[in-house]
Amino acid sequence: MAAIYGTSPVVLRRVLSQLRRAGLIETQRGKSGGSQLARAPGDITLREVYEAVRGEQPVLPMYSQNCTGLVAPVLGEYLGKLFHEAEEALLEKLDAVTVAEMDQVVRQRIMTHASSKGIC
């Protein structure tokens, strides 16, 4: 599965673990085990997935409020506000898209890509 997604098994296991802890997937161990969505794909937003994997870190780095000098505190405050607004816009966009919607678009693009490469 990791090879299909172009990542390492370690990264895939970490992401699946984070999604499980967030209650987005259910996992069964053993020979017939595996992972599946805990809810319908139309009931899970990309924001939920993103936040489960991202954790508590902000999307964009925030500048320290302990800056000194004349320019650094003002610049830091300005950029901090700008970054916060950009992050909120991203999260709103992710909140408007479900896993089902993403799946539909991605599957179509994979089929188009495979067709253009002569892969069936």
PDB file of N, CA and C in Angstrom:
ATOM      1  N   MET A   1       0.827  -1.190   0.000  1.00  0.00           N
ATOM      2  CA  MET A   1       0.000   0.000   0.000  1.00  0.00           C
ATOM      3  C   MET A   1       0.875   1.259   0.000  1.00  0.00           C
ATOM      4  N   ALA A   2       1.952   1.224   0.773  1.00  0.00           N
ATOM      5  CA  ALA A   2       2.834   2.391   0.833  1.00  0.00           C
ATOM      6  C   ALA A   2       3.420   2.702  -0.536  1.00  0.00           C
ATOM      7  N   ALA A   3       3.782   1.666  -1.295  1.00  0.00           N
ATOM      8  CA  ALA A   3       4.364   1.880  -2.623  1.00  0.00           C
ATOM      9  C   ALA A   3       3.363   2.554  -3.557  1.00  0.00           C
ATOM     10  N   ILE A   4       2.092   2.182  -3.462  1.00  0.00           N
ATOM     11  CA  ILE A   4       1.065   2.788  -4.309  1.00  0.00           C
ATOM     12  C   ILE A   4       0.976   4.287  -4.051  1.00  0.00           C
ATOM     13  N   TYR A   5       1.136   4.677  -2.785  1.00  0.00           N
ATOM     14  CA  TYR A   5       1.041   6.097  -2.414  1.00  0.00           C
ATOM     15  C   TYR A   5       2.376   6.824  -2.492  1.00  0.00           C
ATOM     16  N   GLY A   6       3.435   6.094  -2.826  1.00  0.00           N
ATOM     17  CA  GLY A   6       4.740   6.728  -2.985  1.00  0.00           C
ATOM     18  C   GLY A   6       5.349   7.186  -1.678  1.00  0.00           C
ATOM     19  N   THR A   7       5.152   6.400  -0.621  1.00  0.00           N
ATOM     20  CA  THR A   7       5.711   6.746   0.685  1.00  0.00           C
ATOM     21  C   THR A   7       6.282   5.495   1.330  1.00  0.00           C
ATOM     22  N   SER A   8       6.861   5.649   2.488  1.00  0.00           N
ATOM     23  CA  SER A   8       7.427   4.497   3.183  1.00  0.00           C
ATOM     24  C   SER A   8       6.364   3.854   4.078  1.00  0.00           C
ATOM     25  N   PRO A   9       6.514   2.571   4.370  1.00  0.00           N
ATOM     26  CA  PRO A   9       5.582   1.910   5.287  1.00  0.00           C
ATOM     27  C   PRO A   9       5.534   2.567   6.668  1.00  0.00           C
ATOM     28  N   VAL A  10       6.658   3.115   7.098  1.00  0.00           N
ATOM     29  CA  VAL A  10       6.706   3.781   8.405  1.00  0.00           C
ATOM     30  C   VAL A  10       5.789   5.011   8.411  1.00  0.00           C
ATOM     31  N   VAL A  11       5.872   5.812   7.368  1.00  0.00           N
ATOM     32  CA  VAL A  11       5.028   7.012   7.265  1.00  0.00           C
ATOM     33  C   VAL A  11       3.561   6.604   7.182  1.00  0.00           C
ATOM     34  N   LEU A  12       3.260   5.601   6.386  1.00  0.00           N
ATOM     35  CA  LEU A  12       1.878   5.144   6.247  1.00  0.00           C
ATOM     36  C   LEU A  12       1.326   4.645   7.581  1.00  0.00           C
ATOM     37  N   ARG A  13       2.104   3.867   8.314  1.00  0.00           N
ATOM     38  CA  ARG A  13       1.654   3.381   9.629  1.00  0.00           C
ATOM     39  C   ARG A  13       1.409   4.538  10.589  1.00  0.00           C
ATOM     40  N   ARG A  14       2.277   5.542  10.554  1.00  0.00           N
ATOM     41  CA  ARG A  14       2.115   6.710  11.435  1.00  0.00           C
ATOM     42  C   ARG A  14       0.827   7.461  11.109  1.00  0.00           C
ATOM     43  N   VAL A  15       0.576   7.677   9.825  1.00  0.00           N
ATOM     44  CA  VAL A  15      -0.644   8.390   9.414  1.00  0.00           C
ATOM     45  C   VAL A  15      -1.881   7.583   9.792  1.00  0.00           C
ATOM     46  N   LEU A  16      -1.872   6.282   9.524  1.00  0.00           N
ATOM     47  CA  LEU A  16      -3.017   5.450   9.894  1.00  0.00           C
ATOM     48  C   LEU A  16      -3.251   5.468  11.400  1.00  0.00           C
ATOM     49  N   SER A  17      -2.178   5.469  12.162  1.00  0.00           N
ATOM     50  CA  SER A  17      -2.302   5.540  13.625  1.00  0.00           C
ATOM     51  C   SER A  17      -2.933   6.863  14.061  1.00  0.00           C
ATOM     52  N   GLN A  18      -2.514   7.954  13.443  1.00  0.00           N
ATOM     53  CA  GLN A  18      -3.084   9.268  13.776  1.00  0.00           C
ATOM     54  C   GLN A  18      -4.564   9.336  13.404  1.00  0.00           C
ATOM     55  N   LEU A  19      -4.920   8.778  12.262  1.00  0.00           N
ATOM     56  CA  LEU A  19      -6.319   8.763  11.839  1.00  0.00           C
ATOM     57  C   LEU A  19      -7.164   7.892  12.770  1.00  0.00           C
ATOM     58  N   ARG A  20      -6.585   6.787  13.242  1.00  0.00           N
ATOM     59  CA  ARG A  20      -7.291   5.916  14.183  1.00  0.00           C
ATOM     60  C   ARG A  20      -7.525   6.623  15.505  1.00  0.00           C
ATOM     61  N   ARG A  21      -6.493   7.298  16.019  1.00  0.00           N
ATOM     62  CA  ARG A  21      -6.630   8.042  17.285  1.00  0.00           C
ATOM     63  C   ARG A  21      -7.684   9.146  17.177  1.00  0.00           C
ATOM     64  N   ALA A  22      -7.831   9.717  16.003  1.00  0.00           N
ATOM     65  CA  ALA A  22      -8.814  10.779  15.793  1.00  0.00           C
ATOM     66  C   ALA A  22     -10.222  10.215  15.568  1.00  0.00           C
ATOM     67  N   GLY A  23     -10.338   8.898  15.507  1.00  0.00           N
ATOM     68  CA  GLY A  23     -11.639   8.275  15.309  1.00  0.00           C
ATOM     69  C   GLY A  23     -12.129   8.310  13.873  1.00  0.00           C
ATOM     70  N   LEU A  24     -11.221   8.535  12.931  1.00  0.00           N
ATOM     71  CA  LEU A  24     -11.611   8.612  11.525  1.00  0.00           C
ATOM     72  C   LEU A  24     -11.552   7.257  10.824  1.00  0.00           C
ATOM     73  N   ILE A  25     -10.717   6.353  11.335  1.00  0.00           N
ATOM     74  CA  ILE A  25     -10.663   4.999  10.790  1.00  0.00           C
ATOM     75  C   ILE A  25     -10.735   3.997  11.931  1.00  0.00           C
ATOM     76  N   GLU A  26     -11.120   2.777  11.570  1.00  0.00           N
ATOM     77  CA  GLU A  26     -11.103   1.645  12.494  1.00  0.00           C
ATOM     78  C   GLU A  26     -10.121   0.639  11.927  1.00  0.00           C
ATOM     79  N   THR A  27      -9.350   0.023  12.806  1.00  0.00           N
ATOM     80  CA  THR A  27      -8.328  -0.909  12.358  1.00  0.00           C
ATOM     81  C   THR A  27      -8.502  -2.238  13.065  1.00  0.00           C
ATOM     82  N   GLN A  28      -8.379  -3.320  12.302  1.00  0.00           N
ATOM     83  CA  GLN A  28      -8.386  -4.664  12.862  1.00  0.00           C
ATOM     84  C   GLN A  28      -7.061  -5.313  12.526  1.00  0.00           C
ATOM     85  N   ARG A  29      -6.490  -5.975  13.511  1.00  0.00           N
ATOM     86  CA  ARG A  29      -5.216  -6.666  13.302  1.00  0.00           C
ATOM     87  C   ARG A  29      -5.477  -8.099  12.866  1.00  0.00           C
ATOM     88  N   GLY A  30      -4.435  -8.731  12.396  1.00  0.00           N
ATOM     89  CA  GLY A  30      -4.528 -10.136  12.044  1.00  0.00           C
ATOM     90  C   GLY A  30      -4.561 -10.381  10.556  1.00  0.00           C
ATOM     91  N   LYS A  31      -4.690 -11.671  10.216  1.00  0.00           N
ATOM     92  CA  LYS A  31      -4.629 -12.099   8.823  1.00  0.00           C
ATOM     93  C   LYS A  31      -5.684 -11.424   7.955  1.00  0.00           C
ATOM     94  N   SER A  32      -6.880 -11.282   8.453  1.00  0.00           N
ATOM     95  CA  SER A  32      -7.936 -10.643   7.663  1.00  0.00           C
ATOM     96  C   SER A  32      -8.185  -9.205   8.120  1.00  0.00           C
ATOM     97  N   GLY A  33      -7.208  -8.636   8.798  1.00  0.00           N
ATOM     98  CA  GLY A  33      -7.347  -7.281   9.317  1.00  0.00           C
ATOM     99  C   GLY A  33      -7.140  -6.223   8.253  1.00  0.00           C
ATOM    100  N   GLY A  34      -7.191  -4.973   8.695  1.00  0.00           N
ATOM    101  CA  GLY A  34      -7.003  -3.843   7.802  1.00  0.00           C
ATOM    102  C   GLY A  34      -7.633  -2.610   8.409  1.00  0.00           C
ATOM    103  N   SER A  35      -7.709  -1.570   7.649  1.00  0.00           N
ATOM    104  CA  SER A  35      -8.292  -0.311   8.110  1.00  0.00           C
ATOM    105  C   SER A  35      -9.435   0.082   7.199  1.00  0.00           C
ATOM    106  N   GLN A  36     -10.444   0.705   7.791  1.00  0.00           N
ATOM    107  CA  GLN A  36     -11.561   1.241   7.025  1.00  0.00           C
ATOM    108  C   GLN A  36     -12.061   2.498   7.709  1.00  0.00           C
ATOM    109  N   LEU A  37     -12.780   3.316   6.960  1.00  0.00           N
ATOM    110  CA  LEU A  37     -13.322   4.551   7.525  1.00  0.00           C
ATOM    111  C   LEU A  37     -14.295   4.226   8.646  1.00  0.00           C
ATOM    112  N   ALA A  38     -14.262   5.025   9.693  1.00  0.00           N
ATOM    113  CA  ALA A  38     -15.156   4.835  10.832  1.00  0.00           C
ATOM    114  C   ALA A  38     -16.538   5.438  10.565  1.00  0.00           C
ATOM    115  N   ARG A  39     -16.598   6.346   9.614  1.00  0.00           N
ATOM    116  CA  ARG A  39     -17.865   6.974   9.218  1.00  0.00           C
ATOM    117  C   ARG A  39     -17.957   6.972   7.702  1.00  0.00           C
ATOM    118  N   ALA A  40     -19.106   7.311   7.199  1.00  0.00           N
ATOM    119  CA  ALA A  40     -19.285   7.402   5.746  1.00  0.00           C
ATOM    120  C   ALA A  40     -18.348   8.471   5.197  1.00  0.00           C
ATOM    121  N   PRO A  41     -17.774   8.260   4.006  1.00  0.00           N
ATOM    122  CA  PRO A  41     -16.846   9.240   3.435  1.00  0.00           C
ATOM    123  C   PRO A  41     -17.468  10.619   3.237  1.00  0.00           C
ATOM    124  N   GLY A  42     -18.777  10.675   3.052  1.00  0.00           N
ATOM    125  CA  GLY A  42     -19.448  11.955   2.903  1.00  0.00           C
ATOM    126  C   GLY A  42     -19.612  12.704   4.210  1.00  0.00           C
ATOM    127  N   ASP A  43     -19.303  12.019   5.323  1.00  0.00           N
ATOM    128  CA  ASP A  43     -19.423  12.623   6.653  1.00  0.00           C
ATOM    129  C   ASP A  43     -18.078  13.017   7.257  1.00  0.00           C
ATOM    130  N   ILE A  44     -17.007  12.837   6.510  1.00  0.00           N
ATOM    131  CA  ILE A  44     -15.662  13.179   6.987  1.00  0.00           C
ATOM    132  C   ILE A  44     -15.116  14.283   6.087  1.00  0.00           C
ATOM    133  N   THR A  45     -14.715  15.392   6.688  1.00  0.00           N
ATOM    134  CA  THR A  45     -14.147  16.483   5.896  1.00  0.00           C
ATOM    135  C   THR A  45     -12.628  16.357   5.824  1.00  0.00           C
ATOM    136  N   LEU A  46     -12.069  16.982   4.801  1.00  0.00           N
ATOM    137  CA  LEU A  46     -10.609  16.991   4.687  1.00  0.00           C
ATOM    138  C   LEU A  46      -9.980  17.761   5.841  1.00  0.00           C
ATOM    139  N   ARG A  47     -10.719  18.697   6.424  1.00  0.00           N
ATOM    140  CA  ARG A  47     -10.198  19.411   7.584  1.00  0.00           C
ATOM    141  C   ARG A  47      -9.982  18.444   8.748  1.00  0.00           C
ATOM    142  N   GLU A  48     -10.919  17.543   8.962  1.00  0.00           N
ATOM    143  CA  GLU A  48     -10.761  16.565  10.035  1.00  0.00           C
ATOM    144  C   GLU A  48      -9.529  15.700   9.809  1.00  0.00           C
ATOM    145  N   VAL A  49      -9.347  15.273   8.578  1.00  0.00           N
ATOM    146  CA  VAL A  49      -8.185  14.447   8.238  1.00  0.00           C
ATOM    147  C   VAL A  49      -6.905  15.247   8.433  1.00  0.00           C
ATOM    148  N   TYR A  50      -6.897  16.445   7.906  1.00  0.00           N
ATOM    149  CA  TYR A  50      -5.721  17.316   8.006  1.00  0.00           C
ATOM    150  C   TYR A  50      -5.350  17.575   9.463  1.00  0.00           C
ATOM    151  N   GLU A  51      -6.342  17.912  10.273  1.00  0.00           N
ATOM    152  CA  GLU A  51      -6.059  18.213  11.676  1.00  0.00           C
ATOM    153  C   GLU A  51      -5.614  16.975  12.436  1.00  0.00           C
ATOM    154  N   ALA A  52      -6.110  15.800  12.065  1.00  0.00           N
ATOM    155  CA  ALA A  52      -5.689  14.560  12.724  1.00  0.00           C
ATOM    156  C   ALA A  52      -4.218  14.270  12.443  1.00  0.00           C
ATOM    157  N   VAL A  53      -3.798  14.550  11.225  1.00  0.00           N
ATOM    158  CA  VAL A  53      -2.419  14.248  10.835  1.00  0.00           C
ATOM    159  C   VAL A  53      -1.469  15.372  11.237  1.00  0.00           C
ATOM    160  N   ARG A  54      -1.927  16.611  11.118  1.00  0.00           N
ATOM    161  CA  ARG A  54      -1.080  17.770  11.424  1.00  0.00           C
ATOM    162  C   ARG A  54      -0.805  17.899  12.908  1.00  0.00           C
ATOM    163  N   GLY A  55      -1.775  17.612  13.737  1.00  0.00           N
ATOM    164  CA  GLY A  55      -1.614  17.809  15.169  1.00  0.00           C
ATOM    165  C   GLY A  55      -1.866  19.254  15.543  1.00  0.00           C
ATOM    166  N   GLU A  56      -1.154  19.735  16.492  1.00  0.00           N
ATOM    167  CA  GLU A  56      -1.377  21.080  17.027  1.00  0.00           C
ATOM    168  C   GLU A  56      -0.512  22.157  16.369  1.00  0.00           C
ATOM    169  N   GLN A  57       0.366  21.755  15.475  1.00  0.00           N
ATOM    170  CA  GLN A  57       1.263  22.721  14.847  1.00  0.00           C
ATOM    171  C   GLN A  57       0.498  23.624  13.880  1.00  0.00           C
ATOM    172  N   PRO A  58       0.793  24.917  13.859  1.00  0.00           N
ATOM    173  CA  PRO A  58       0.149  25.794  12.880  1.00  0.00           C
ATOM    174  C   PRO A  58       0.634  25.464  11.470  1.00  0.00           C
ATOM    175  N   VAL A  59      -0.186  25.778  10.489  1.00  0.00           N
ATOM    176  CA  VAL A  59       0.175  25.532   9.091  1.00  0.00           C
ATOM    177  C   VAL A  59       1.424  26.333   8.736  1.00  0.00           C
ATOM    178  N   LEU A  60       1.405  27.600   9.076  1.00  0.00           N
ATOM    179  CA  LEU A  60       2.519  28.494   8.792  1.00  0.00           C
ATOM    180  C   LEU A  60       3.209  28.860  10.096  1.00  0.00           C
ATOM    181  N   PRO A  61       4.511  29.022  10.076  1.00  0.00           N
ATOM    182  CA  PRO A  61       5.222  29.357  11.313  1.00  0.00           C
ATOM    183  C   PRO A  61       4.811  30.726  11.835  1.00  0.00           C
ATOM    184  N   MET A  62       4.686  30.818  13.126  1.00  0.00           N
ATOM    185  CA  MET A  62       4.365  32.100  13.755  1.00  0.00           C
ATOM    186  C   MET A  62       5.659  32.693  14.312  1.00  0.00           C
ATOM    187  N   TYR A  63       5.717  33.993  14.274  1.00  0.00           N
ATOM    188  CA  TYR A  63       6.903  34.668  14.774  1.00  0.00           C
ATOM    189  C   TYR A  63       6.780  34.875  16.274  1.00  0.00           C
ATOM    190  N   SER A  64       7.900  34.798  16.929  1.00  0.00           N
ATOM    191  CA  SER A  64       7.943  34.973  18.374  1.00  0.00           C
ATOM    192  C   SER A  64       7.509  36.375  18.769  1.00  0.00           C
ATOM    193  N   GLN A  65       6.753  36.441  19.841  1.00  0.00           N
ATOM    194  CA  GLN A  65       6.349  37.743  20.359  1.00  0.00           C
ATOM    195  C   GLN A  65       7.447  38.340  21.234  1.00  0.00           C
ATOM    196  N   ASN A  66       8.542  37.625  21.374  1.00  0.00           N
ATOM    197  CA  ASN A  66       9.667  38.104  22.173  1.00  0.00           C
ATOM    198  C   ASN A  66      10.711  38.808  21.311  1.00  0.00           C
ATOM    199  N   CYS A  67      10.326  39.223  20.113  1.00  0.00           N
ATOM    200  CA  CYS A  67      11.251  39.919  19.214  1.00  0.00           C
ATOM    201  C   CYS A  67      11.676  41.249  19.845  1.00  0.00           C
ATOM    202  N   THR A  68      12.901  41.643  19.574  1.00  0.00           N
ATOM    203  CA  THR A  68      13.397  42.922  20.077  1.00  0.00           C
ATOM    204  C   THR A  68      13.715  43.834  18.913  1.00  0.00           C
ATOM    205  N   GLY A  69      14.019  45.051  19.212  1.00  0.00           N
ATOM    206  CA  GLY A  69      14.361  46.014  18.174  1.00  0.00           C
ATOM    207  C   GLY A  69      13.127  46.792  17.763  1.00  0.00           C
ATOM    208  N   LEU A  70      13.295  47.643  16.774  1.00  0.00           N
ATOM    209  CA  LEU A  70      12.218  48.507  16.319  1.00  0.00           C
ATOM    210  C   LEU A  70      11.329  47.819  15.280  1.00  0.00           C
ATOM    211  N   VAL A  71      11.933  47.095  14.342  1.00  0.00           N
ATOM    212  CA  VAL A  71      11.198  46.529  13.213  1.00  0.00           C
ATOM    213  C   VAL A  71      10.630  45.143  13.523  1.00  0.00           C
ATOM    214  N   ALA A  72      11.394  44.287  14.160  1.00  0.00           N
ATOM    215  CA  ALA A  72      11.009  42.887  14.350  1.00  0.00           C
ATOM    216  C   ALA A  72       9.645  42.707  15.018  1.00  0.00           C
ATOM    217  N   PRO A  73       9.323  43.401  16.103  1.00  0.00           N
ATOM    218  CA  PRO A  73       8.003  43.192  16.717  1.00  0.00           C
ATOM    219  C   PRO A  73       6.846  43.593  15.803  1.00  0.00           C
ATOM    220  N   VAL A  74       6.992  44.689  15.087  1.00  0.00           N
ATOM    221  CA  VAL A  74       5.924  45.160  14.198  1.00  0.00           C
ATOM    222  C   VAL A  74       5.768  44.203  13.016  1.00  0.00           C
ATOM    223  N   LEU A  75       6.892  43.830  12.423  1.00  0.00           N
ATOM    224  CA  LEU A  75       6.867  42.886  11.306  1.00  0.00           C
ATOM    225  C   LEU A  75       6.310  41.539  11.756  1.00  0.00           C
ATOM    226  N   GLY A  76       6.735  41.063  12.919  1.00  0.00           N
ATOM    227  CA  GLY A  76       6.251  39.797  13.458  1.00  0.00           C
ATOM    228  C   GLY A  76       4.747  39.808  13.686  1.00  0.00           C
ATOM    229  N   GLU A  77       4.227  40.911  14.238  1.00  0.00           N
ATOM    230  CA  GLU A  77       2.792  41.027  14.470  1.00  0.00           C
ATOM    231  C   GLU A  77       2.029  41.026  13.147  1.00  0.00           C
ATOM    232  N   TYR A  78       2.538  41.772  12.171  1.00  0.00           N
ATOM    233  CA  TYR A  78       1.894  41.850  10.865  1.00  0.00           C
ATOM    234  C   TYR A  78       1.866  40.476  10.195  1.00  0.00           C
ATOM    235  N   LEU A  79       3.020  39.826  10.138  1.00  0.00           N
ATOM    236  CA  LEU A  79       3.093  38.519   9.485  1.00  0.00           C
ATOM    237  C   LEU A  79       2.289  37.471  10.246  1.00  0.00           C
ATOM    238  N   GLY A  80       2.293  37.545  11.569  1.00  0.00           N
ATOM    239  CA  GLY A  80       1.509  36.613  12.372  1.00  0.00           C
ATOM    240  C   GLY A  80       0.031  36.694  12.043  1.00  0.00           C
ATOM    241  N   LYS A  81      -0.483  37.912  11.933  1.00  0.00           N
ATOM    242  CA  LYS A  81      -1.897  38.111  11.582  1.00  0.00           C
ATOM    243  C   LYS A  81      -2.171  37.606  10.170  1.00  0.00           C
ATOM    244  N   LEU A  82      -1.289  37.909   9.242  1.00  0.00           N
ATOM    245  CA  LEU A  82      -1.439  37.474   7.860  1.00  0.00           C
ATOM    246  C   LEU A  82      -1.429  35.948   7.768  1.00  0.00           C
ATOM    247  N   PHE A  83      -0.491  35.307   8.449  1.00  0.00           N
ATOM    248  CA  PHE A  83      -0.398  33.850   8.435  1.00  0.00           C
ATOM    249  C   PHE A  83      -1.630  33.222   9.074  1.00  0.00           C
ATOM    250  N   HIS A  84      -2.121  33.821  10.160  1.00  0.00           N
ATOM    251  CA  HIS A  84      -3.317  33.306  10.825  1.00  0.00           C
ATOM    252  C   HIS A  84      -4.522  33.367   9.875  1.00  0.00           C
ATOM    253  N   GLU A  85      -4.673  34.462   9.166  1.00  0.00           N
ATOM    254  CA  GLU A  85      -5.777  34.603   8.208  1.00  0.00           C
ATOM    255  C   GLU A  85      -5.651  33.584   7.074  1.00  0.00           C
ATOM    256  N   ALA A  86      -4.441  33.352   6.600  1.00  0.00           N
ATOM    257  CA  ALA A  86      -4.215  32.380   5.527  1.00  0.00           C
ATOM    258  C   ALA A  86      -4.542  30.967   6.013  1.00  0.00           C
ATOM    259  N   GLU A  87      -4.147  30.661   7.235  1.00  0.00           N
ATOM    260  CA  GLU A  87      -4.441  29.343   7.806  1.00  0.00           C
ATOM    261  C   GLU A  87      -5.948  29.147   7.961  1.00  0.00           C
ATOM    262  N   GLU A  88      -6.646  30.160   8.418  1.00  0.00           N
ATOM    263  CA  GLU A  88      -8.098  30.064   8.568  1.00  0.00           C
ATOM    264  C   GLU A  88      -8.768  29.828   7.215  1.00  0.00           C
ATOM    265  N   ALA A  89      -8.289  30.493   6.167  1.00  0.00           N
ATOM    266  CA  ALA A  89      -8.845  30.305   4.828  1.00  0.00           C
ATOM    267  C   ALA A  89      -8.610  28.865   4.350  1.00  0.00           C
ATOM    268  N   LEU A  90      -7.436  28.332   4.609  1.00  0.00           N
ATOM    269  CA  LEU A  90      -7.133  26.950   4.238  1.00  0.00           C
ATOM    270  C   LEU A  90      -8.060  25.989   4.967  1.00  0.00           C
ATOM    271  N   LEU A  91      -8.202  26.171   6.269  1.00  0.00           N
ATOM    272  CA  LEU A  91      -9.048  25.276   7.061  1.00  0.00           C
ATOM    273  C   LEU A  91     -10.511  25.352   6.629  1.00  0.00           C
ATOM    274  N   GLU A  92     -10.975  26.539   6.277  1.00  0.00           N
ATOM    275  CA  GLU A  92     -12.350  26.681   5.774  1.00  0.00           C
ATOM    276  C   GLU A  92     -12.524  25.917   4.467  1.00  0.00           C
ATOM    277  N   LYS A  93     -11.538  26.000   3.597  1.00  0.00           N
ATOM    278  CA  LYS A  93     -11.596  25.291   2.315  1.00  0.00           C
ATOM    279  C   LYS A  93     -11.622  23.781   2.547  1.00  0.00           C
ATOM    280  N   LEU A  94     -10.766  23.295   3.429  1.00  0.00           N
ATOM    281  CA  LEU A  94     -10.723  21.862   3.730  1.00  0.00           C
ATOM    282  C   LEU A  94     -12.012  21.396   4.393  1.00  0.00           C
ATOM    283  N   ASP A  95     -12.642  22.270   5.160  1.00  0.00           N
ATOM    284  CA  ASP A  95     -13.892  21.940   5.844  1.00  0.00           C
ATOM    285  C   ASP A  95     -15.045  21.805   4.852  1.00  0.00           C
ATOM    286  N   ALA A  96     -14.899  22.376   3.674  1.00  0.00           N
ATOM    287  CA  ALA A  96     -15.965  22.369   2.669  1.00  0.00           C
ATOM    288  C   ALA A  96     -15.880  21.165   1.731  1.00  0.00           C
ATOM    289  N   VAL A  97     -14.852  20.319   1.890  1.00  0.00           N
ATOM    290  CA  VAL A  97     -14.668  19.173   1.002  1.00  0.00           C
ATOM    291  C   VAL A  97     -14.690  17.892   1.831  1.00  0.00           C
ATOM    292  N   THR A  98     -15.492  16.924   1.384  1.00  0.00           N
ATOM    293  CA  THR A  98     -15.549  15.644   2.089  1.00  0.00           C
ATOM    294  C   THR A  98     -14.596  14.640   1.449  1.00  0.00           C
ATOM    295  N   VAL A  99     -14.346  13.569   2.172  1.00  0.00           N
ATOM    296  CA  VAL A  99     -13.524  12.480   1.638  1.00  0.00           C
ATOM    297  C   VAL A  99     -14.197  11.898   0.394  1.00  0.00           C
ATOM    298  N   ALA A 100     -15.522  11.812   0.401  1.00  0.00           N
ATOM    299  CA  ALA A 100     -16.247  11.290  -0.766  1.00  0.00           C
ATOM    300  C   ALA A 100     -16.020  12.167  -1.989  1.00  0.00           C
ATOM    301  N   GLU A 101     -16.068  13.483  -1.815  1.00  0.00           N
ATOM    302  CA  GLU A 101     -15.841  14.398  -2.934  1.00  0.00           C
ATOM    303  C   GLU A 101     -14.408  14.280  -3.455  1.00  0.00           C
ATOM    304  N   MET A 102     -13.458  14.214  -2.536  1.00  0.00           N
ATOM    305  CA  MET A 102     -12.062  14.063  -2.931  1.00  0.00           C
ATOM    306  C   MET A 102     -11.872  12.749  -3.680  1.00  0.00           C
ATOM    307  N   ASP A 103     -12.461  11.682  -3.167  1.00  0.00           N
ATOM    308  CA  ASP A 103     -12.332  10.369  -3.782  1.00  0.00           C
ATOM    309  C   ASP A 103     -12.831  10.388  -5.229  1.00  0.00           C
ATOM    310  N   GLN A 104     -13.956  11.014  -5.442  1.00  0.00           N
ATOM    311  CA  GLN A 104     -14.533  11.081  -6.785  1.00  0.00           C
ATOM    312  C   GLN A 104     -13.595  11.797  -7.759  1.00  0.00           C
ATOM    313  N   VAL A 105     -13.069  12.927  -7.349  1.00  0.00           N
ATOM    314  CA  VAL A 105     -12.172  13.703  -8.211  1.00  0.00           C
ATOM    315  C   VAL A 105     -10.859  12.960  -8.437  1.00  0.00           C
ATOM    316  N   VAL A 106     -10.287  12.411  -7.375  1.00  0.00           N
ATOM    317  CA  VAL A 106      -8.991  11.732  -7.494  1.00  0.00           C
ATOM    318  C   VAL A 106      -9.116  10.487  -8.360  1.00  0.00           C
ATOM    319  N   ARG A 107     -10.170   9.705  -8.157  1.00  0.00           N
ATOM    320  CA  ARG A 107     -10.356   8.497  -8.994  1.00  0.00           C
ATOM    321  C   ARG A 107     -10.436   8.868 -10.480  1.00  0.00           C
ATOM    322  N   GLN A 108     -11.179   9.916 -10.793  1.00  0.00           N
ATOM    323  CA  GLN A 108     -11.304  10.342 -12.192  1.00  0.00           C
ATOM    324  C   GLN A 108      -9.954  10.780 -12.746  1.00  0.00           C
ATOM    325  N   ARG A 109      -9.193  11.501 -11.957  1.00  0.00           N
ATOM    326  CA  ARG A 109      -7.877  11.957 -12.425  1.00  0.00           C
ATOM    327  C   ARG A 109      -6.910  10.797 -12.602  1.00  0.00           C
ATOM    328  N   ILE A 110      -6.998   9.793 -11.732  1.00  0.00           N
ATOM    329  CA  ILE A 110      -6.145   8.603 -11.862  1.00  0.00           C
ATOM    330  C   ILE A 110      -6.482   7.873 -13.157  1.00  0.00           C
ATOM    331  N   MET A 111      -7.772   7.719 -13.431  1.00  0.00           N
ATOM    332  CA  MET A 111      -8.189   7.041 -14.658  1.00  0.00           C
ATOM    333  C   MET A 111      -7.718   7.817 -15.894  1.00  0.00           C
ATOM    334  N   THR A 112      -7.847   9.132 -15.866  1.00  0.00           N
ATOM    335  CA  THR A 112      -7.396   9.960 -16.984  1.00  0.00           C
ATOM    336  C   THR A 112      -5.885   9.840 -17.158  1.00  0.00           C
ATOM    337  N   HIS A 113      -5.161   9.880 -16.051  1.00  0.00           N
ATOM    338  CA  HIS A 113      -3.702   9.767 -16.089  1.00  0.00           C
ATOM    339  C   HIS A 113      -3.287   8.397 -16.623  1.00  0.00           C
ATOM    340  N   ALA A 114      -3.941   7.340 -16.122  1.00  0.00           N
ATOM    341  CA  ALA A 114      -3.621   5.989 -16.570  1.00  0.00           C
ATOM    342  C   ALA A 114      -3.906   5.826 -18.052  1.00  0.00           C
ATOM    343  N   SER A 115      -5.016   6.378 -18.519  1.00  0.00           N
ATOM    344  CA  SER A 115      -5.373   6.289 -19.939  1.00  0.00           C
ATOM    345  C   SER A 115      -4.345   6.986 -20.819  1.00  0.00           C
ATOM    346  N   SER A 116      -3.883   8.149 -20.367  1.00  0.00           N
ATOM    347  CA  SER A 116      -2.902   8.906 -21.159  1.00  0.00           C
ATOM    348  C   SER A 116      -1.540   8.206 -21.202  1.00  0.00           C
ATOM    349  N   LYS A 117      -1.276   7.361 -20.194  1.00  0.00           N
ATOM    350  CA  LYS A 117      -0.011   6.610 -20.149  1.00  0.00           C
ATOM    351  C   LYS A 117      -0.144   5.236 -20.777  1.00  0.00           C
ATOM    352  N   GLY A 118      -1.376   4.872 -21.208  1.00  0.00           N
ATOM    353  CA  GLY A 118      -1.604   3.556 -21.796  1.00  0.00           C
ATOM    354  C   GLY A 118      -1.688   2.458 -20.757  1.00  0.00           C
ATOM    355  N   ILE A 119      -2.004   2.822 -19.521  1.00  0.00           N
ATOM    356  CA  ILE A 119      -2.119   1.854 -18.426  1.00  0.00           C
ATOM    357  C   ILE A 119      -3.594   1.506 -18.269  1.00  0.00           C
ATOM    358  N   CYS A 120      -3.898   0.250 -18.213  1.00  0.00           N
ATOM    359  CA  CYS A 120      -5.306  -0.149 -18.040  1.00  0.00           C
ATOM    360  C   CYS A 120      -5.531  -0.835 -16.728  1.00  0.00           C
TER     361      CYS A 120
END
